[in-house]
Protein backbone atom coordinates (compact mmCIF):
# COMPACT_ATOMS: atom_id res chain seq x y z
CA MET A 1 152.90 84.53 100.51
CA TRP A 2 150.18 85.78 98.11
CA ALA A 3 147.67 83.40 99.62
CA LYS A 4 148.37 84.79 103.09
CA LEU A 5 148.11 88.38 101.80
CA LYS A 6 144.83 87.60 100.02
CA GLY A 7 143.45 86.21 103.26
CA TYR A 8 144.37 89.37 105.17
CA LEU A 9 142.92 91.60 102.45
CA ALA A 10 139.70 89.59 102.47
CA ALA A 11 139.45 89.93 106.26
CA ILE A 12 140.12 93.68 106.10
CA GLY A 13 137.57 94.07 103.30
CA THR A 14 134.96 92.18 105.30
CA ALA A 15 135.64 94.29 108.39
CA LEU A 16 135.32 97.50 106.36
CA ALA A 17 132.05 96.30 104.82
CA ILE A 18 130.65 95.52 108.28
CA LEU A 19 131.71 98.95 109.59
CA ALA A 20 130.13 100.67 106.58
CA GLY A 21 126.91 98.72 107.13
CA VAL A 22 126.78 99.66 110.81
CA PHE A 23 127.47 103.31 109.96
CA LEU A 24 124.72 103.44 107.33
CA TYR A 25 122.27 101.70 109.68
CA GLY A 26 123.01 104.31 112.36
CA GLN A 27 122.52 107.12 109.88
CA ARG A 28 119.15 105.72 108.82
CA ALA A 29 118.03 105.16 112.40
CA GLY A 30 119.07 108.69 113.39
CA ARG A 31 117.24 110.20 110.43
CA SER A 32 114.12 108.23 111.30
CA ALA A 33 114.28 109.31 114.94
CA ALA A 34 114.70 112.96 113.91
CA LYS A 35 111.67 112.74 111.61
CA ASP A 36 109.59 111.20 114.40
CA GLU A 37 110.68 113.91 116.83
CA GLN A 38 109.87 116.66 114.31
CA ALA A 39 106.44 115.15 113.62
CA ALA A 40 105.68 115.11 117.35
CA ALA A 41 106.79 118.73 117.69
CA ASN A 42 104.62 119.73 114.74
CA ALA A 43 101.59 117.97 116.21
CA LYS A 44 102.16 119.71 119.56
CA ALA A 45 102.46 123.12 117.86
CA ILE A 46 99.29 122.54 115.82
CA LYS A 47 97.37 121.56 118.96
CA LYS A 48 98.64 124.61 120.86
CA ALA A 49 97.74 126.93 117.97
CA GLY A 50 94.25 125.43 117.84
CA ASP A 51 93.82 125.87 121.59
CA VAL A 52 94.88 129.53 121.41
CA GLU A 53 92.63 130.14 118.42
CA ASN A 54 89.65 128.65 120.24
CA GLU A 55 90.43 130.69 123.34
CA ILE A 56 90.63 133.94 121.36
CA LYS A 57 87.47 133.08 119.43
CA ASN A 58 85.55 132.86 122.71
CA LEU A 59 86.74 136.28 124.01
CA ASN A 60 84.80 139.49 123.54
CA ASP A 61 86.35 142.48 121.74
CA ASP A 62 87.61 144.22 124.89
CA ASP A 63 89.34 141.07 126.13
CA VAL A 64 90.98 140.50 122.74
CA ASP A 65 92.22 144.10 122.73
CA ARG A 66 93.58 143.70 126.26
CA ARG A 67 95.43 140.51 125.29
CA LEU A 68 96.87 142.13 122.17
CA THR A 69 98.31 145.03 124.15
CA GLN A 70 100.57 142.54 125.93
CA TRP A 71 102.24 141.77 122.59
CA MET A 72 102.64 145.32 121.33
CA ARG A 73 105.95 147.13 121.68
CA ASP A 74 104.53 150.61 122.07
CA LYS A 75 102.11 150.50 124.96
CA ARG A 76 98.88 152.37 124.39
């Protein structure tokens, strides 16, 4: 009887260990994917900010003022 019970407990323990391993692997893979996605979003934002900065740098003062009025709440 004890031998049979030990066999079942060993099988249940093995199954739980496998499930825990799969769960932890999924957590690690999800975390890695989220970091990769965030890094890509950061790179895109940096590129866009650089493009806007270069565009503004090449405008004259009147054009910069005209563009800034689009972002102001109280229209001049």
